[in-house]
Amino acid sequence: MSLSPTASPATDTAPRARVRRILDECVGSDLSSWEKNEFLPSVANRFVLTEKQEKCLAGIEARVFGGDDD
């Protein structure tokens, strides 16, 4: 049994999957340096987010994936 560089479904936590989706979608300067290098890696390794972390992650998702309801 070999270990792949991608996470298995058993270790792919909800925050980790959300972070991976954000990073896969972003190009160039879509994310600030802090978001890309500090915040996202830190929440990717958590199973449960604090209220502040959830709010920040949801804000990044809204910005990256858009709320093009206008």
PDB file of N, CA and C in Angstrom:
ATOM      1  N   MET A   1       0.849  -1.174   0.000  1.00  0.00           N
ATOM      2  CA  MET A   1       0.000   0.000   0.000  1.00  0.00           C
ATOM      3  C   MET A   1       0.894   1.237   0.000  1.00  0.00           C
ATOM      4  N   SER A   2       0.724   2.082  -1.005  1.00  0.00           N
ATOM      5  CA  SER A   2       1.562   3.281  -1.089  1.00  0.00           C
ATOM      6  C   SER A   2       0.789   4.501  -0.614  1.00  0.00           C
ATOM      7  N   LEU A   3       1.524   5.465  -0.105  1.00  0.00           N
ATOM      8  CA  LEU A   3       0.917   6.707   0.346  1.00  0.00           C
ATOM      9  C   LEU A   3       1.013   7.728  -0.768  1.00  0.00           C
ATOM     10  N   SER A   4      -0.112   8.280  -1.147  1.00  0.00           N
ATOM     11  CA  SER A   4      -0.098   9.291  -2.191  1.00  0.00           C
ATOM     12  C   SER A   4       0.086  10.665  -1.570  1.00  0.00           C
ATOM     13  N   PRO A   5       0.570  11.646  -2.326  1.00  0.00           N
ATOM     14  CA  PRO A   5       0.762  12.992  -1.778  1.00  0.00           C
ATOM     15  C   PRO A   5      -0.553  13.705  -1.487  1.00  0.00           C
ATOM     16  N   THR A   6      -1.652  13.213  -2.045  1.00  0.00           N
ATOM     17  CA  THR A   6      -2.938  13.834  -1.747  1.00  0.00           C
ATOM     18  C   THR A   6      -3.579  13.106  -0.586  1.00  0.00           C
ATOM     19  N   ALA A   7      -4.400  13.804   0.147  1.00  0.00           N
ATOM     20  CA  ALA A   7      -5.028  13.228   1.329  1.00  0.00           C
ATOM     21  C   ALA A   7      -6.108  12.243   0.917  1.00  0.00           C
ATOM     22  N   SER A   8      -6.238  11.210   1.721  1.00  0.00           N
ATOM     23  CA  SER A   8      -7.321  10.265   1.491  1.00  0.00           C
ATOM     24  C   SER A   8      -8.610  10.853   2.039  1.00  0.00           C
ATOM     25  N   PRO A   9      -9.753  10.338   1.616  1.00  0.00           N
ATOM     26  CA  PRO A   9     -11.015  10.866   2.141  1.00  0.00           C
ATOM     27  C   PRO A   9     -11.098  10.797   3.663  1.00  0.00           C
ATOM     28  N   ALA A  10     -10.455   9.816   4.263  1.00  0.00           N
ATOM     29  CA  ALA A  10     -10.498   9.684   5.715  1.00  0.00           C
ATOM     30  C   ALA A  10      -9.742  10.809   6.420  1.00  0.00           C
ATOM     31  N   THR A  11      -8.719  11.365   5.774  1.00  0.00           N
ATOM     32  CA  THR A  11      -7.937  12.431   6.394  1.00  0.00           C
ATOM     33  C   THR A  11      -8.244  13.795   5.791  1.00  0.00           C
ATOM     34  N   ASP A  12      -9.146  13.835   4.853  1.00  0.00           N
ATOM     35  CA  ASP A  12      -9.497  15.087   4.180  1.00  0.00           C
ATOM     36  C   ASP A  12     -10.608  15.778   4.965  1.00  0.00           C
ATOM     37  N   THR A  13     -10.216  16.566   5.970  1.00  0.00           N
ATOM     38  CA  THR A  13     -11.192  17.244   6.817  1.00  0.00           C
ATOM     39  C   THR A  13     -11.927  18.305   6.018  1.00  0.00           C
ATOM     40  N   ALA A  14     -13.059  18.719   6.503  1.00  0.00           N
ATOM     41  CA  ALA A  14     -13.828  19.750   5.817  1.00  0.00           C
ATOM     42  C   ALA A  14     -13.005  21.022   5.610  1.00  0.00           C
ATOM     43  N   PRO A  15     -12.311  21.539   6.645  1.00  0.00           N
ATOM     44  CA  PRO A  15     -11.485  22.733   6.404  1.00  0.00           C
ATOM     45  C   PRO A  15     -10.383  22.477   5.363  1.00  0.00           C
ATOM     46  N   ARG A  16      -9.772  21.320   5.402  1.00  0.00           N
ATOM     47  CA  ARG A  16      -8.702  21.013   4.445  1.00  0.00           C
ATOM     48  C   ARG A  16      -9.255  20.984   3.026  1.00  0.00           C
ATOM     49  N   ALA A  17     -10.422  20.394   2.836  1.00  0.00           N
ATOM     50  CA  ALA A  17     -11.031  20.344   1.508  1.00  0.00           C
ATOM     51  C   ALA A  17     -11.395  21.746   1.029  1.00  0.00           C
ATOM     52  N   ARG A  18     -11.894  22.583   1.928  1.00  0.00           N
ATOM     53  CA  ARG A  18     -12.252  23.959   1.564  1.00  0.00           C
ATOM     54  C   ARG A  18     -11.008  24.742   1.169  1.00  0.00           C
ATOM     55  N   VAL A  19      -9.925  24.578   1.932  1.00  0.00           N
ATOM     56  CA  VAL A  19      -8.668  25.274   1.627  1.00  0.00           C
ATOM     57  C   VAL A  19      -8.128  24.795   0.288  1.00  0.00           C
ATOM     58  N   ARG A  20      -8.154  23.498   0.045  1.00  0.00           N
ATOM     59  CA  ARG A  20      -7.655  22.965  -1.229  1.00  0.00           C
ATOM     60  C   ARG A  20      -8.462  23.538  -2.394  1.00  0.00           C
ATOM     61  N   ARG A  21      -9.760  23.632  -2.227  1.00  0.00           N
ATOM     62  CA  ARG A  21     -10.614  24.172  -3.294  1.00  0.00           C
ATOM     63  C   ARG A  21     -10.268  25.644  -3.562  1.00  0.00           C
ATOM     64  N   ILE A  22     -10.040  26.410  -2.500  1.00  0.00           N
ATOM     65  CA  ILE A  22      -9.656  27.818  -2.650  1.00  0.00           C
ATOM     66  C   ILE A  22      -8.330  27.929  -3.395  1.00  0.00           C
ATOM     67  N   LEU A  23      -7.335  27.165  -2.954  1.00  0.00           N
ATOM     68  CA  LEU A  23      -6.012  27.247  -3.564  1.00  0.00           C
ATOM     69  C   LEU A  23      -6.024  26.782  -5.018  1.00  0.00           C
ATOM     70  N   ASP A  24      -6.873  25.799  -5.326  1.00  0.00           N
ATOM     71  CA  ASP A  24      -6.982  25.331  -6.709  1.00  0.00           C
ATOM     72  C   ASP A  24      -7.591  26.396  -7.612  1.00  0.00           C
ATOM     73  N   GLU A  25      -8.465  27.213  -7.066  1.00  0.00           N
ATOM     74  CA  GLU A  25      -9.178  28.221  -7.849  1.00  0.00           C
ATOM     75  C   GLU A  25      -8.386  29.520  -8.016  1.00  0.00           C
ATOM     76  N   CYS A  26      -7.546  29.848  -7.045  1.00  0.00           N
ATOM     77  CA  CYS A  26      -6.865  31.148  -7.021  1.00  0.00           C
ATOM     78  C   CYS A  26      -5.709  31.218  -8.006  1.00  0.00           C
ATOM     79  N   VAL A  27      -5.547  32.407  -8.557  1.00  0.00           N
ATOM     80  CA  VAL A  27      -4.404  32.703  -9.419  1.00  0.00           C
ATOM     81  C   VAL A  27      -3.874  34.079  -9.045  1.00  0.00           C
ATOM     82  N   GLY A  28      -2.597  34.275  -9.275  1.00  0.00           N
ATOM     83  CA  GLY A  28      -2.000  35.600  -9.059  1.00  0.00           C
ATOM     84  C   GLY A  28      -2.239  36.157  -7.677  1.00  0.00           C
ATOM     85  N   SER A  29      -2.825  37.342  -7.635  1.00  0.00           N
ATOM     86  CA  SER A  29      -2.994  38.052  -6.367  1.00  0.00           C
ATOM     87  C   SER A  29      -4.408  37.928  -5.809  1.00  0.00           C
ATOM     88  N   ASP A  30      -5.078  36.792  -6.060  1.00  0.00           N
ATOM     89  CA  ASP A  30      -6.414  36.569  -5.505  1.00  0.00           C
ATOM     90  C   ASP A  30      -6.391  36.520  -3.983  1.00  0.00           C
ATOM     91  N   LEU A  31      -5.263  36.057  -3.426  1.00  0.00           N
ATOM     92  CA  LEU A  31      -5.112  35.949  -1.975  1.00  0.00           C
ATOM     93  C   LEU A  31      -3.985  36.856  -1.508  1.00  0.00           C
ATOM     94  N   SER A  32      -4.140  37.377  -0.297  1.00  0.00           N
ATOM     95  CA  SER A  32      -3.037  38.146   0.283  1.00  0.00           C
ATOM     96  C   SER A  32      -1.943  37.172   0.721  1.00  0.00           C
ATOM     97  N   SER A  33      -0.769  37.697   0.953  1.00  0.00           N
ATOM     98  CA  SER A  33       0.338  36.876   1.421  1.00  0.00           C
ATOM     99  C   SER A  33      -0.011  36.189   2.738  1.00  0.00           C
ATOM    100  N   TRP A  34      -0.653  36.913   3.647  1.00  0.00           N
ATOM    101  CA  TRP A  34      -1.046  36.341   4.945  1.00  0.00           C
ATOM    102  C   TRP A  34      -2.049  35.204   4.758  1.00  0.00           C
ATOM    103  N   GLU A  35      -3.035  35.418   3.886  1.00  0.00           N
ATOM    104  CA  GLU A  35      -4.034  34.369   3.662  1.00  0.00           C
ATOM    105  C   GLU A  35      -3.381  33.108   3.113  1.00  0.00           C
ATOM    106  N   LYS A  36      -2.535  33.274   2.117  1.00  0.00           N
ATOM    107  CA  LYS A  36      -1.919  32.128   1.445  1.00  0.00           C
ATOM    108  C   LYS A  36      -0.874  31.411   2.302  1.00  0.00           C
ATOM    109  N   ASN A  37      -0.055  32.184   3.003  1.00  0.00           N
ATOM    110  CA  ASN A  37       1.082  31.593   3.712  1.00  0.00           C
ATOM    111  C   ASN A  37       0.881  31.352   5.201  1.00  0.00           C
ATOM    112  N   GLU A  38      -0.099  31.991   5.800  1.00  0.00           N
ATOM    113  CA  GLU A  38      -0.314  31.844   7.237  1.00  0.00           C
ATOM    114  C   GLU A  38      -1.682  31.242   7.562  1.00  0.00           C
ATOM    115  N   PHE A  39      -2.741  31.933   7.158  1.00  0.00           N
ATOM    116  CA  PHE A  39      -4.082  31.550   7.574  1.00  0.00           C
ATOM    117  C   PHE A  39      -4.534  30.212   6.977  1.00  0.00           C
ATOM    118  N   LEU A  40      -4.507  30.099   5.662  1.00  0.00           N
ATOM    119  CA  LEU A  40      -5.018  28.877   5.034  1.00  0.00           C
ATOM    120  C   LEU A  40      -4.270  27.620   5.479  1.00  0.00           C
ATOM    121  N   PRO A  41      -2.932  27.629   5.530  1.00  0.00           N
ATOM    122  CA  PRO A  41      -2.253  26.429   6.033  1.00  0.00           C
ATOM    123  C   PRO A  41      -2.624  26.092   7.482  1.00  0.00           C
ATOM    124  N   SER A  42      -2.857  27.120   8.299  1.00  0.00           N
ATOM    125  CA  SER A  42      -3.180  26.838   9.702  1.00  0.00           C
ATOM    126  C   SER A  42      -4.568  26.227   9.849  1.00  0.00           C
ATOM    127  N   VAL A  43      -5.561  26.700   9.082  1.00  0.00           N
ATOM    128  CA  VAL A  43      -6.902  26.130   9.216  1.00  0.00           C
ATOM    129  C   VAL A  43      -7.032  24.797   8.490  1.00  0.00           C
ATOM    130  N   ALA A  44      -6.183  24.544   7.512  1.00  0.00           N
ATOM    131  CA  ALA A  44      -6.240  23.268   6.792  1.00  0.00           C
ATOM    132  C   ALA A  44      -5.933  22.093   7.717  1.00  0.00           C
ATOM    133  N   ASN A  45      -5.197  22.349   8.778  1.00  0.00           N
ATOM    134  CA  ASN A  45      -4.805  21.281   9.704  1.00  0.00           C
ATOM    135  C   ASN A  45      -5.727  21.155  10.901  1.00  0.00           C
ATOM    136  N   ARG A  46      -6.874  21.782  10.851  1.00  0.00           N
ATOM    137  CA  ARG A  46      -7.822  21.723  11.966  1.00  0.00           C
ATOM    138  C   ARG A  46      -9.050  20.915  11.575  1.00  0.00           C
ATOM    139  N   PHE A  47      -9.672  20.319  12.591  1.00  0.00           N
ATOM    140  CA  PHE A  47     -10.918  19.602  12.373  1.00  0.00           C
ATOM    141  C   PHE A  47     -12.110  20.506  12.638  1.00  0.00           C
ATOM    142  N   VAL A  48     -11.950  21.431  13.585  1.00  0.00           N
ATOM    143  CA  VAL A  48     -13.007  22.358  13.965  1.00  0.00           C
ATOM    144  C   VAL A  48     -12.432  23.767  13.942  1.00  0.00           C
ATOM    145  N   LEU A  49     -13.184  24.702  13.361  1.00  0.00           N
ATOM    146  CA  LEU A  49     -12.734  26.088  13.290  1.00  0.00           C
ATOM    147  C   LEU A  49     -13.427  26.920  14.356  1.00  0.00           C
ATOM    148  N   THR A  50     -12.714  27.934  14.835  1.00  0.00           N
ATOM    149  CA  THR A  50     -13.340  28.884  15.746  1.00  0.00           C
ATOM    150  C   THR A  50     -14.297  29.756  14.931  1.00  0.00           C
ATOM    151  N   GLU A  51     -15.113  30.510  15.614  1.00  0.00           N
ATOM    152  CA  GLU A  51     -16.054  31.393  14.932  1.00  0.00           C
ATOM    153  C   GLU A  51     -15.316  32.403  14.048  1.00  0.00           C
ATOM    154  N   LYS A  52     -14.205  32.953  14.550  1.00  0.00           N
ATOM    155  CA  LYS A  52     -13.431  33.932  13.774  1.00  0.00           C
ATOM    156  C   LYS A  52     -12.791  33.283  12.547  1.00  0.00           C
ATOM    157  N   GLN A  53     -12.244  32.073  12.719  1.00  0.00           N
ATOM    158  CA  GLN A  53     -11.631  31.369  11.598  1.00  0.00           C
ATOM    159  C   GLN A  53     -12.679  31.056  10.526  1.00  0.00           C
ATOM    160  N   GLU A  54     -13.853  30.605  10.965  1.00  0.00           N
ATOM    161  CA  GLU A  54     -14.933  30.284  10.027  1.00  0.00           C
ATOM    162  C   GLU A  54     -15.366  31.527   9.257  1.00  0.00           C
ATOM    163  N   LYS A  55     -15.484  32.648   9.961  1.00  0.00           N
ATOM    164  CA  LYS A  55     -15.897  33.892   9.312  1.00  0.00           C
ATOM    165  C   LYS A  55     -14.867  34.330   8.265  1.00  0.00           C
ATOM    166  N   CYS A  56     -13.593  34.232   8.615  1.00  0.00           N
ATOM    167  CA  CYS A  56     -12.522  34.624   7.691  1.00  0.00           C
ATOM    168  C   CYS A  56     -12.486  33.689   6.483  1.00  0.00           C
ATOM    169  N   LEU A  57     -12.599  32.384   6.722  1.00  0.00           N
ATOM    170  CA  LEU A  57     -12.576  31.414   5.626  1.00  0.00           C
ATOM    171  C   LEU A  57     -13.780  31.605   4.713  1.00  0.00           C
ATOM    172  N   ALA A  58     -14.940  31.841   5.287  1.00  0.00           N
ATOM    173  CA  ALA A  58     -16.144  32.087   4.489  1.00  0.00           C
ATOM    174  C   ALA A  58     -15.996  33.362   3.654  1.00  0.00           C
ATOM    175  N   GLY A  59     -15.350  34.375   4.218  1.00  0.00           N
ATOM    176  CA  GLY A  59     -15.108  35.612   3.476  1.00  0.00           C
ATOM    177  C   GLY A  59     -14.188  35.396   2.291  1.00  0.00           C
ATOM    178  N   ILE A  60     -13.153  34.587   2.486  1.00  0.00           N
ATOM    179  CA  ILE A  60     -12.234  34.270   1.389  1.00  0.00           C
ATOM    180  C   ILE A  60     -12.985  33.494   0.307  1.00  0.00           C
ATOM    181  N   GLU A  61     -13.795  32.512   0.721  1.00  0.00           N
ATOM    182  CA  GLU A  61     -14.573  31.731  -0.247  1.00  0.00           C
ATOM    183  C   GLU A  61     -15.512  32.640  -1.041  1.00  0.00           C
ATOM    184  N   ALA A  62     -16.170  33.554  -0.357  1.00  0.00           N
ATOM    185  CA  ALA A  62     -17.104  34.462  -1.041  1.00  0.00           C
ATOM    186  C   ALA A  62     -16.369  35.317  -2.065  1.00  0.00           C
ATOM    187  N   ARG A  63     -15.181  35.773  -1.704  1.00  0.00           N
ATOM    188  CA  ARG A  63     -14.397  36.612  -2.614  1.00  0.00           C
ATOM    189  C   ARG A  63     -13.879  35.800  -3.804  1.00  0.00           C
ATOM    190  N   VAL A  64     -13.384  34.581  -3.530  1.00  0.00           N
ATOM    191  CA  VAL A  64     -12.783  33.761  -4.585  1.00  0.00           C
ATOM    192  C   VAL A  64     -13.846  33.179  -5.517  1.00  0.00           C
ATOM    193  N   PHE A  65     -14.909  32.644  -4.939  1.00  0.00           N
ATOM    194  CA  PHE A  65     -15.921  31.969  -5.749  1.00  0.00           C
ATOM    195  C   PHE A  65     -17.048  32.892  -6.149  1.00  0.00           C
ATOM    196  N   GLY A  66     -17.029  34.074  -5.564  1.00  0.00           N
ATOM    197  CA  GLY A  66     -17.962  35.117  -5.966  1.00  0.00           C
ATOM    198  C   GLY A  66     -19.384  34.924  -5.491  1.00  0.00           C
ATOM    199  N   GLY A  67     -19.995  36.025  -5.371  1.00  0.00           N
ATOM    200  CA  GLY A  67     -21.421  36.084  -5.107  1.00  0.00           C
ATOM    201  C   GLY A  67     -21.983  36.934  -6.223  1.00  0.00           C
ATOM    202  N   ASP A  68     -21.893  36.436  -7.434  1.00  0.00           N
ATOM    203  CA  ASP A  68     -22.263  37.206  -8.622  1.00  0.00           C
ATOM    204  C   ASP A  68     -23.764  37.312  -8.785  1.00  0.00           C
ATOM    205  N   ASP A  69     -24.452  37.679  -7.701  1.00  0.00           N
ATOM    206  CA  ASP A  69     -25.897  37.805  -7.742  1.00  0.00           C
ATOM    207  C   ASP A  69     -26.320  39.181  -8.218  1.00  0.00           C
ATOM    208  N   ASP A  70     -25.342  40.076  -8.449  1.00  0.00           N
ATOM    209  CA  ASP A  70     -25.649  41.460  -8.831  1.00  0.00           C
ATOM    210  C   ASP A  70     -26.345  41.541 -10.168  1.00  0.00           C
TER     211      ASP A  70
END
